[in-house]
All heavy atoms as atom14 arrays in JSON, in Angstrom:
{
  "sequence": "ANLERRTGRNCWIELNLAEGKNREVRRVLAFLGLQVSRLIRTA",
  "atom14_mask": [
    [1, 1, 1, 1, 1, 0, 0, 0, 0, 0, 0, 0, 0, 0],
    [1, 1, 1, 1, 1, 1, 1, 1, 0, 0, 0, 0, 0, 0],
    [1, 1, 1, 1, 1, 1, 1, 1, 0, 0, 0, 0, 0, 0],
    [1, 1, 1, 1, 1, 1, 1, 1, 1, 0, 0, 0, 0, 0],
    [1, 1, 1, 1, 1, 1, 1, 1, 1, 1, 1, 0, 0, 0],
    [1, 1, 1, 1, 1, 1, 1, 1, 1, 1, 1, 0, 0, 0],
    [1, 1, 1, 1, 1, 1, 1, 0, 0, 0, 0, 0, 0, 0],
    [1, 1, 1, 1, 0, 0, 0, 0, 0, 0, 0, 0, 0, 0],
    [1, 1, 1, 1, 1, 1, 1, 1, 1, 1, 1, 0, 0, 0],
    [1, 1, 1, 1, 1, 1, 1, 1, 0, 0, 0, 0, 0, 0],
    [1, 1, 1, 1, 1, 1, 0, 0, 0, 0, 0, 0, 0, 0],
    [1, 1, 1, 1, 1, 1, 1, 1, 1, 1, 1, 1, 1, 1],
    [1, 1, 1, 1, 1, 1, 1, 1, 0, 0, 0, 0, 0, 0],
    [1, 1, 1, 1, 1, 1, 1, 1, 1, 0, 0, 0, 0, 0],
    [1, 1, 1, 1, 1, 1, 1, 1, 0, 0, 0, 0, 0, 0],
    [1, 1, 1, 1, 1, 1, 1, 1, 0, 0, 0, 0, 0, 0],
    [1, 1, 1, 1, 1, 1, 1, 1, 0, 0, 0, 0, 0, 0],
    [1, 1, 1, 1, 1, 0, 0, 0, 0, 0, 0, 0, 0, 0],
    [1, 1, 1, 1, 1, 1, 1, 1, 1, 0, 0, 0, 0, 0],
    [1, 1, 1, 1, 0, 0, 0, 0, 0, 0, 0, 0, 0, 0],
    [1, 1, 1, 1, 1, 1, 1, 1, 1, 0, 0, 0, 0, 0],
    [1, 1, 1, 1, 1, 1, 1, 1, 0, 0, 0, 0, 0, 0],
    [1, 1, 1, 1, 1, 1, 1, 1, 1, 1, 1, 0, 0, 0],
    [1, 1, 1, 1, 1, 1, 1, 1, 1, 0, 0, 0, 0, 0],
    [1, 1, 1, 1, 1, 1, 1, 0, 0, 0, 0, 0, 0, 0],
    [1, 1, 1, 1, 1, 1, 1, 1, 1, 1, 1, 0, 0, 0],
    [1, 1, 1, 1, 1, 1, 1, 1, 1, 1, 1, 0, 0, 0],
    [1, 1, 1, 1, 1, 1, 1, 0, 0, 0, 0, 0, 0, 0],
    [1, 1, 1, 1, 1, 1, 1, 1, 0, 0, 0, 0, 0, 0],
    [1, 1, 1, 1, 1, 0, 0, 0, 0, 0, 0, 0, 0, 0],
    [1, 1, 1, 1, 1, 1, 1, 1, 1, 1, 1, 0, 0, 0],
    [1, 1, 1, 1, 1, 1, 1, 1, 0, 0, 0, 0, 0, 0],
    [1, 1, 1, 1, 0, 0, 0, 0, 0, 0, 0, 0, 0, 0],
    [1, 1, 1, 1, 1, 1, 1, 1, 0, 0, 0, 0, 0, 0],
    [1, 1, 1, 1, 1, 1, 1, 1, 1, 0, 0, 0, 0, 0],
    [1, 1, 1, 1, 1, 1, 1, 0, 0, 0, 0, 0, 0, 0],
    [1, 1, 1, 1, 1, 1, 0, 0, 0, 0, 0, 0, 0, 0],
    [1, 1, 1, 1, 1, 1, 1, 1, 1, 1, 1, 0, 0, 0],
    [1, 1, 1, 1, 1, 1, 1, 1, 0, 0, 0, 0, 0, 0],
    [1, 1, 1, 1, 1, 1, 1, 1, 0, 0, 0, 0, 0, 0],
    [1, 1, 1, 1, 1, 1, 1, 1, 1, 1, 1, 0, 0, 0],
    [1, 1, 1, 1, 1, 1, 1, 0, 0, 0, 0, 0, 0, 0],
    [1, 1, 1, 1, 1, 0, 0, 0, 0, 0, 0, 0, 0, 0]
  ],
  "atom14_positions": [
    [[-4.1, -7.67, -2.24], [-4.33, -6.35, -1.64], [-5.8, -6.13, -1.36], [-6.65, -6.46, -2.19], [-3.81, -5.26, -2.58], [0.0, 0.0, 0.0], [0.0, 0.0, 0.0], [0.0, 0.0, 0.0], [0.0, 0.0, 0.0], [0.0, 0.0, 0.0], [0.0, 0.0, 0.0], [0.0, 0.0, 0.0], [0.0, 0.0, 0.0], [0.0, 0.0, 0.0]],
    [[-6.09, -5.59, -0.18], [-7.47, -5.33, 0.22], [-7.6, -3.95, 0.83], [-6.78, -3.55, 1.65], [-7.94, -6.37, 1.24], [-8.06, -7.73, 0.61], [-8.89, -7.95, -0.26], [-7.21, -8.65, 1.03], [0.0, 0.0, 0.0], [0.0, 0.0, 0.0], [0.0, 0.0, 0.0], [0.0, 0.0, 0.0], [0.0, 0.0, 0.0], [0.0, 0.0, 0.0]],
    [[-8.67, -3.28, 0.42], [-8.99, -1.96, 0.97], [-9.6, -2.17, 2.35], [-10.64, -2.79, 2.49], [-9.98, -1.26, 0.03], [-10.32, 0.18, 0.32], [-9.09, 1.07, 0.26], [-11.36, 0.66, -0.69], [0.0, 0.0, 0.0], [0.0, 0.0, 0.0], [0.0, 0.0, 0.0], [0.0, 0.0, 0.0], [0.0, 0.0, 0.0], [0.0, 0.0, 0.0]],
    [[-8.9, -1.7, 3.39], [-9.4, -1.86, 4.76], [-10.48, -0.84, 5.08], [-11.55, -1.18, 5.56], [-8.26, -1.71, 5.78], [-7.36, -2.88, 5.89], [-6.34, -2.69, 7.0], [-6.38, -1.68, 7.74], [-5.47, -3.57, 7.12], [0.0, 0.0, 0.0], [0.0, 0.0, 0.0], [0.0, 0.0, 0.0], [0.0, 0.0, 0.0], [0.0, 0.0, 0.0]],
    [[-10.14, 0.43, 4.86], [-11.12, 1.49, 5.13], [-10.7, 2.76, 4.4], [-9.56, 2.92, 4.0], [-11.23, 1.75, 6.64], [-10.05, 2.39, 7.29], [-10.34, 2.69, 8.77], [-9.27, 3.43, 9.37], [-8.26, 2.9, 10.03], [-8.18, 1.6, 10.17], [-7.33, 3.66, 10.56], [0.0, 0.0, 0.0], [0.0, 0.0, 0.0], [0.0, 0.0, 0.0]],
    [[-11.68, 3.64, 4.24], [-11.45, 4.91, 3.55], [-12.0, 6.04, 4.41], [-13.07, 5.92, 5.0], [-12.14, 4.88, 2.2], [-11.94, 6.12, 1.37], [-12.77, 6.13, 0.09], [-12.66, 4.92, -0.69], [-11.67, 4.62, -1.53], [-10.68, 5.46, -1.68], [-11.67, 3.51, -2.23], [0.0, 0.0, 0.0], [0.0, 0.0, 0.0], [0.0, 0.0, 0.0]],
    [[-11.23, 7.13, 4.49], [-11.68, 8.35, 5.15], [-11.39, 9.49, 4.18], [-10.23, 9.86, 4.0], [-10.92, 8.59, 6.48], [-11.0, 7.41, 7.28], [-11.5, 9.76, 7.24], [0.0, 0.0, 0.0], [0.0, 0.0, 0.0], [0.0, 0.0, 0.0], [0.0, 0.0, 0.0], [0.0, 0.0, 0.0], [0.0, 0.0, 0.0], [0.0, 0.0, 0.0]],
    [[-12.42, 9.98, 3.52], [-12.2, 10.99, 2.49], [-11.39, 10.38, 1.36], [-11.73, 9.32, 0.84], [0.0, 0.0, 0.0], [0.0, 0.0, 0.0], [0.0, 0.0, 0.0], [0.0, 0.0, 0.0], [0.0, 0.0, 0.0], [0.0, 0.0, 0.0], [0.0, 0.0, 0.0], [0.0, 0.0, 0.0], [0.0, 0.0, 0.0], [0.0, 0.0, 0.0]],
    [[-10.27, 11.03, 1.01], [-9.41, 10.5, -0.06], [-8.24, 9.71, 0.5], [-7.36, 9.29, -0.23], [-8.93, 11.63, -0.96], [-10.11, 12.22, -1.76], [-9.71, 13.0, -2.97], [-8.97, 12.2, -3.92], [-8.04, 12.71, -4.72], [-7.75, 13.99, -4.68], [-7.4, 11.94, -5.57], [0.0, 0.0, 0.0], [0.0, 0.0, 0.0], [0.0, 0.0, 0.0]],
    [[-8.22, 9.53, 1.83], [-7.19, 8.68, 2.44], [-7.77, 7.29, 2.64], [-8.94, 7.13, 2.95], [-6.75, 9.24, 3.8], [-5.83, 10.43, 3.63], [-4.77, 10.32, 3.04], [-6.25, 11.57, 4.15], [0.0, 0.0, 0.0], [0.0, 0.0, 0.0], [0.0, 0.0, 0.0], [0.0, 0.0, 0.0], [0.0, 0.0, 0.0], [0.0, 0.0, 0.0]],
    [[-6.9, 6.27, 2.49], [-7.35, 4.91, 2.72], [-6.23, 4.09, 3.34], [-5.06, 4.44, 3.25], [-7.81, 4.27, 1.4], [-6.57, 4.22, 0.1], [0.0, 0.0, 0.0], [0.0, 0.0, 0.0], [0.0, 0.0, 0.0], [0.0, 0.0, 0.0], [0.0, 0.0, 0.0], [0.0, 0.0, 0.0], [0.0, 0.0, 0.0], [0.0, 0.0, 0.0]],
    [[-6.63, 3.02, 4.0], [-5.69, 2.03, 4.52], [-5.85, 0.77, 3.67], [-6.97, 0.32, 3.42], [-5.97, 1.71, 5.98], [-5.4, 2.72, 6.93], [-6.06, 3.76, 7.5], [-4.05, 2.77, 7.41], [-5.2, 4.47, 8.33], [-3.97, 3.87, 8.28], [-2.91, 1.99, 7.2], [-2.79, 4.22, 8.94], [-1.75, 2.34, 7.85], [-1.69, 3.44, 8.71]],
    [[-4.73, 0.23, 3.23], [-4.71, -0.95, 2.38], [-3.8, -1.99, 3.02], [-2.7, -1.67, 3.46], [-4.18, -0.61, 0.97], [-5.05, 0.47, 0.32], [-4.09, -1.85, 0.09], [-4.44, 1.11, -0.9], [0.0, 0.0, 0.0], [0.0, 0.0, 0.0], [0.0, 0.0, 0.0], [0.0, 0.0, 0.0], [0.0, 0.0, 0.0], [0.0, 0.0, 0.0]],
    [[-4.28, -3.25, 3.07], [-3.43, -4.35, 3.52], [-2.93, -5.08, 2.29], [-3.7, -5.37, 1.39], [-4.2, -5.31, 4.43], [-3.3, -6.41, 4.97], [-4.03, -7.38, 5.88], [-4.75, -8.25, 5.34], [-3.87, -7.25, 7.1], [0.0, 0.0, 0.0], [0.0, 0.0, 0.0], [0.0, 0.0, 0.0], [0.0, 0.0, 0.0], [0.0, 0.0, 0.0]],
    [[-1.62, -5.38, 2.29], [-1.01, -6.05, 1.15], [-0.19, -7.23, 1.62], [0.53, -7.14, 2.62], [-0.08, -5.09, 0.39], [-0.71, -3.79, -0.11], [-0.34, -2.65, 0.8], [-0.26, -3.5, -1.52], [0.0, 0.0, 0.0], [0.0, 0.0, 0.0], [0.0, 0.0, 0.0], [0.0, 0.0, 0.0], [0.0, 0.0, 0.0], [0.0, 0.0, 0.0]],
    [[-0.3, -8.34, 0.9], [0.48, -9.54, 1.17], [1.27, -9.88, -0.09], [0.68, -9.99, -1.17], [-0.43, -10.72, 1.52], [-1.18, -10.48, 2.8], [-0.59, -10.45, 3.87], [-2.49, -10.3, 2.7], [0.0, 0.0, 0.0], [0.0, 0.0, 0.0], [0.0, 0.0, 0.0], [0.0, 0.0, 0.0], [0.0, 0.0, 0.0], [0.0, 0.0, 0.0]],
    [[2.59, -10.04, 0.06], [3.43, -10.36, -1.09], [4.58, -11.23, -0.66], [4.97, -11.23, 0.51], [3.94, -9.08, -1.76], [4.64, -8.07, -0.85], [6.03, -7.8, -1.36], [3.84, -6.78, -0.85], [0.0, 0.0, 0.0], [0.0, 0.0, 0.0], [0.0, 0.0, 0.0], [0.0, 0.0, 0.0], [0.0, 0.0, 0.0], [0.0, 0.0, 0.0]],
    [[5.12, -11.99, -1.6], [6.21, -12.91, -1.28], [7.54, -12.49, -1.87], [8.56, -13.04, -1.52], [5.86, -14.32, -1.76], [0.0, 0.0, 0.0], [0.0, 0.0, 0.0], [0.0, 0.0, 0.0], [0.0, 0.0, 0.0], [0.0, 0.0, 0.0], [0.0, 0.0, 0.0], [0.0, 0.0, 0.0], [0.0, 0.0, 0.0], [0.0, 0.0, 0.0]],
    [[7.52, -11.49, -2.75], [8.75, -11.14, -3.44], [9.57, -10.11, -2.66], [10.73, -10.35, -2.35], [8.42, -10.58, -4.82], [9.3, -11.14, -5.88], [8.8, -10.76, -7.26], [7.88, -9.95, -7.41], [9.35, -11.31, -8.21], [0.0, 0.0, 0.0], [0.0, 0.0, 0.0], [0.0, 0.0, 0.0], [0.0, 0.0, 0.0], [0.0, 0.0, 0.0]],
    [[9.01, -8.97, -2.37], [9.7, -7.95, -1.6], [10.81, -7.23, -2.34], [11.87, -6.96, -1.77], [0.0, 0.0, 0.0], [0.0, 0.0, 0.0], [0.0, 0.0, 0.0], [0.0, 0.0, 0.0], [0.0, 0.0, 0.0], [0.0, 0.0, 0.0], [0.0, 0.0, 0.0], [0.0, 0.0, 0.0], [0.0, 0.0, 0.0], [0.0, 0.0, 0.0]],
    [[10.59, -6.87, -3.6], [11.59, -6.09, -4.34], [11.71, -4.69, -3.73], [10.82, -4.22, -3.03], [11.19, -5.97, -5.81], [11.35, -7.25, -6.57], [10.99, -7.06, -8.03], [11.19, -8.37, -8.77], [10.57, -8.34, -10.09], [0.0, 0.0, 0.0], [0.0, 0.0, 0.0], [0.0, 0.0, 0.0], [0.0, 0.0, 0.0], [0.0, 0.0, 0.0]],
    [[12.81, -4.02, -4.06], [13.09, -2.69, -3.54], [11.92, -1.73, -3.77], [11.52, -1.53, -4.92], [14.37, -2.16, -4.19], [14.82, -0.84, -3.62], [14.57, -0.54, -2.45], [15.49, -0.06, -4.43], [0.0, 0.0, 0.0], [0.0, 0.0, 0.0], [0.0, 0.0, 0.0], [0.0, 0.0, 0.0], [0.0, 0.0, 0.0], [0.0, 0.0, 0.0]],
    [[11.38, -1.19, -2.69], [10.3, -0.2, -2.71], [9.06, -0.69, -3.47], [8.3, 0.09, -4.03], [10.8, 1.13, -3.24], [11.94, 1.71, -2.39], [12.47, 3.03, -2.89], [11.48, 4.07, -2.96], [11.05, 4.81, -1.93], [11.51, 4.59, -0.73], [10.15, 5.74, -2.09], [0.0, 0.0, 0.0], [0.0, 0.0, 0.0], [0.0, 0.0, 0.0]],
    [[8.83, -1.99, -3.47], [7.76, -2.6, -4.26], [6.38, -2.05, -3.92], [5.62, -1.67, -4.8], [7.76, -4.12, -4.06], [6.69, -4.85, -4.83], [6.83, -6.35, -4.8], [7.82, -6.86, -4.24], [5.96, -7.02, -5.36], [0.0, 0.0, 0.0], [0.0, 0.0, 0.0], [0.0, 0.0, 0.0], [0.0, 0.0, 0.0], [0.0, 0.0, 0.0]],
    [[6.03, -2.0, -2.64], [4.7, -1.54, -2.26], [4.48, -0.1, -2.69], [3.45, 0.24, -3.28], [4.47, -1.71, -0.74], [3.16, -1.04, -0.31], [4.46, -3.18, -0.35], [0.0, 0.0, 0.0], [0.0, 0.0, 0.0], [0.0, 0.0, 0.0], [0.0, 0.0, 0.0], [0.0, 0.0, 0.0], [0.0, 0.0, 0.0], [0.0, 0.0, 0.0]],
    [[5.44, 0.75, -2.43], [5.31, 2.17, -2.81], [5.17, 2.33, -4.32], [4.34, 3.1, -4.8], [6.51, 2.97, -2.3], [6.55, 3.09, -0.79], [7.77, 3.89, -0.33], [7.93, 3.86, 1.09], [7.29, 4.62, 1.97], [6.41, 5.51, 1.53], [7.5, 4.51, 3.26], [0.0, 0.0, 0.0], [0.0, 0.0, 0.0], [0.0, 0.0, 0.0]],
    [[5.96, 1.59, -5.09], [5.91, 1.7, -6.56], [4.6, 1.18, -7.13], [4.03, 1.79, -8.04], [7.09, 0.96, -7.18], [8.39, 1.69, -6.96], [9.55, 1.05, -7.67], [10.73, 1.9, -7.53], [11.93, 1.45, -7.26], [12.15, 0.17, -7.14], [12.93, 2.29, -7.14], [0.0, 0.0, 0.0], [0.0, 0.0, 0.0], [0.0, 0.0, 0.0]],
    [[4.12, 0.07, -6.6], [2.88, -0.5, -7.11], [1.7, 0.41, -6.78], [0.83, 0.65, -7.63], [2.67, -1.93, -6.57], [1.27, -2.42, -6.83], [3.7, -2.88, -7.19], [0.0, 0.0, 0.0], [0.0, 0.0, 0.0], [0.0, 0.0, 0.0], [0.0, 0.0, 0.0], [0.0, 0.0, 0.0], [0.0, 0.0, 0.0], [0.0, 0.0, 0.0]],
    [[1.66, 0.94, -5.57], [0.56, 1.84, -5.22], [0.64, 3.15, -5.99], [-0.39, 3.7, -6.39], [0.5, 2.07, -3.71], [0.13, 0.82, -2.89], [0.08, 1.15, -1.4], [-1.19, 0.21, -3.35], [0.0, 0.0, 0.0], [0.0, 0.0, 0.0], [0.0, 0.0, 0.0], [0.0, 0.0, 0.0], [0.0, 0.0, 0.0], [0.0, 0.0, 0.0]],
    [[1.85, 3.66, -6.25], [2.0, 4.85, -7.08], [1.5, 4.58, -8.5], [0.87, 5.45, -9.13], [3.45, 5.32, -7.11], [0.0, 0.0, 0.0], [0.0, 0.0, 0.0], [0.0, 0.0, 0.0], [0.0, 0.0, 0.0], [0.0, 0.0, 0.0], [0.0, 0.0, 0.0], [0.0, 0.0, 0.0], [0.0, 0.0, 0.0], [0.0, 0.0, 0.0]],
    [[1.73, 3.38, -9.0], [1.25, 2.97, -10.32], [-0.28, 3.06, -10.38], [-0.85, 3.38, -11.42], [1.72, 1.55, -10.61], [1.22, 0.97, -11.89], [1.76, 1.36, -13.11], [0.21, 0.01, -11.89], [1.3, 0.82, -14.3], [-0.26, -0.54, -13.08], [0.29, -0.13, -14.28], [0.0, 0.0, 0.0], [0.0, 0.0, 0.0], [0.0, 0.0, 0.0]],
    [[-0.94, 2.8, -9.24], [-2.4, 2.9, -9.17], [-2.87, 4.34, -8.88], [-4.06, 4.57, -8.7], [-2.94, 1.96, -8.09], [-2.75, 0.46, -8.34], [-3.3, -0.33, -7.16], [-3.43, 0.03, -9.63], [0.0, 0.0, 0.0], [0.0, 0.0, 0.0], [0.0, 0.0, 0.0], [0.0, 0.0, 0.0], [0.0, 0.0, 0.0], [0.0, 0.0, 0.0]],
    [[-1.93, 5.28, -8.83], [-2.29, 6.68, -8.6], [-2.37, 7.08, -7.14], [-2.94, 8.13, -6.82], [0.0, 0.0, 0.0], [0.0, 0.0, 0.0], [0.0, 0.0, 0.0], [0.0, 0.0, 0.0], [0.0, 0.0, 0.0], [0.0, 0.0, 0.0], [0.0, 0.0, 0.0], [0.0, 0.0, 0.0], [0.0, 0.0, 0.0], [0.0, 0.0, 0.0]],
    [[-1.8, 6.28, -6.27], [-1.85, 6.56, -4.83], [-0.51, 7.1, -4.33], [0.55, 6.69, -4.82], [-2.21, 5.3, -4.05], [-3.56, 4.68, -4.38], [-3.69, 3.31, -3.73], [-4.69, 5.59, -3.95], [0.0, 0.0, 0.0], [0.0, 0.0, 0.0], [0.0, 0.0, 0.0], [0.0, 0.0, 0.0], [0.0, 0.0, 0.0], [0.0, 0.0, 0.0]],
    [[-0.59, 7.95, -3.34], [0.62, 8.48, -2.7], [0.66, 7.91, -1.27], [-0.2, 8.22, -0.45], [0.59, 10.0, -2.66], [1.81, 10.6, -2.02], [1.74, 12.12, -1.98], [0.79, 12.73, -2.44], [2.76, 12.71, -1.4], [0.0, 0.0, 0.0], [0.0, 0.0, 0.0], [0.0, 0.0, 0.0], [0.0, 0.0, 0.0], [0.0, 0.0, 0.0]],
    [[1.66, 7.08, -1.0], [1.78, 6.44, 0.32], [2.33, 7.45, 1.33], [3.37, 8.05, 1.12], [2.7, 5.2, 0.24], [2.93, 4.6, 1.62], [2.1, 4.16, -0.69], [0.0, 0.0, 0.0], [0.0, 0.0, 0.0], [0.0, 0.0, 0.0], [0.0, 0.0, 0.0], [0.0, 0.0, 0.0], [0.0, 0.0, 0.0], [0.0, 0.0, 0.0]],
    [[1.59, 7.62, 2.44], [2.05, 8.52, 3.49], [2.57, 7.76, 4.71], [3.29, 8.32, 5.53], [0.92, 9.46, 3.92], [-0.2, 8.74, 4.37], [0.0, 0.0, 0.0], [0.0, 0.0, 0.0], [0.0, 0.0, 0.0], [0.0, 0.0, 0.0], [0.0, 0.0, 0.0], [0.0, 0.0, 0.0], [0.0, 0.0, 0.0], [0.0, 0.0, 0.0]],
    [[2.23, 6.48, 4.81], [2.74, 5.66, 5.91], [2.74, 4.21, 5.45], [1.77, 3.75, 4.84], [1.87, 5.82, 7.15], [2.45, 5.15, 8.39], [1.66, 5.51, 9.63], [2.26, 4.87, 10.79], [1.63, 4.72, 11.94], [0.39, 5.16, 12.09], [2.24, 4.12, 12.94], [0.0, 0.0, 0.0], [0.0, 0.0, 0.0], [0.0, 0.0, 0.0]],
    [[3.84, 3.5, 5.72], [3.94, 2.1, 5.33], [4.52, 1.31, 6.5], [5.57, 1.67, 7.03], [4.83, 1.95, 4.1], [4.98, 0.54, 3.51], [3.62, -0.07, 3.16], [5.89, 0.56, 2.29], [0.0, 0.0, 0.0], [0.0, 0.0, 0.0], [0.0, 0.0, 0.0], [0.0, 0.0, 0.0], [0.0, 0.0, 0.0], [0.0, 0.0, 0.0]],
    [[3.8, 0.26, 6.89], [4.18, -0.54, 8.05], [4.22, -2.01, 7.65], [3.22, -2.53, 7.14], [3.14, -0.38, 9.19], [2.88, 1.08, 9.51], [3.58, -1.16, 10.44], [1.61, 1.3, 10.32], [0.0, 0.0, 0.0], [0.0, 0.0, 0.0], [0.0, 0.0, 0.0], [0.0, 0.0, 0.0], [0.0, 0.0, 0.0], [0.0, 0.0, 0.0]],
    [[5.35, -2.68, 7.88], [5.36, -4.14, 7.69], [4.85, -4.74, 9.0], [5.42, -4.5, 10.06], [6.75, -4.68, 7.36], [6.67, -6.2, 7.18], [7.79, -6.82, 6.39], [9.09, -6.55, 6.95], [10.23, -6.69, 6.27], [10.22, -7.04, 5.01], [11.37, -6.46, 6.84], [0.0, 0.0, 0.0], [0.0, 0.0, 0.0], [0.0, 0.0, 0.0]],
    [[3.78, -5.5, 8.91], [3.13, -6.03, 10.1], [3.45, -7.5, 10.36], [3.26, -7.98, 11.48], [1.61, -5.86, 10.03], [1.12, -6.54, 8.86], [1.23, -4.39, 9.97], [0.0, 0.0, 0.0], [0.0, 0.0, 0.0], [0.0, 0.0, 0.0], [0.0, 0.0, 0.0], [0.0, 0.0, 0.0], [0.0, 0.0, 0.0], [0.0, 0.0, 0.0]],
    [[3.94, -8.22, 9.34], [4.26, -9.63, 9.54], [5.26, -10.1, 8.49], [5.33, -9.57, 7.38], [3.01, -10.49, 9.47], [0.0, 0.0, 0.0], [0.0, 0.0, 0.0], [0.0, 0.0, 0.0], [0.0, 0.0, 0.0], [0.0, 0.0, 0.0], [0.0, 0.0, 0.0], [0.0, 0.0, 0.0], [0.0, 0.0, 0.0], [0.0, 0.0, 0.0]]
  ]
}
């Protein structure tokens, strides 16, 4: 996971994973205290 950019308290994060469990990205980012407002699979 890499922080792409930040604007105030909003940020864009790129994540690469091989497992893909149910709602994995949302759960992991929530664990870090983040609230996902948009999620896009790009590849």
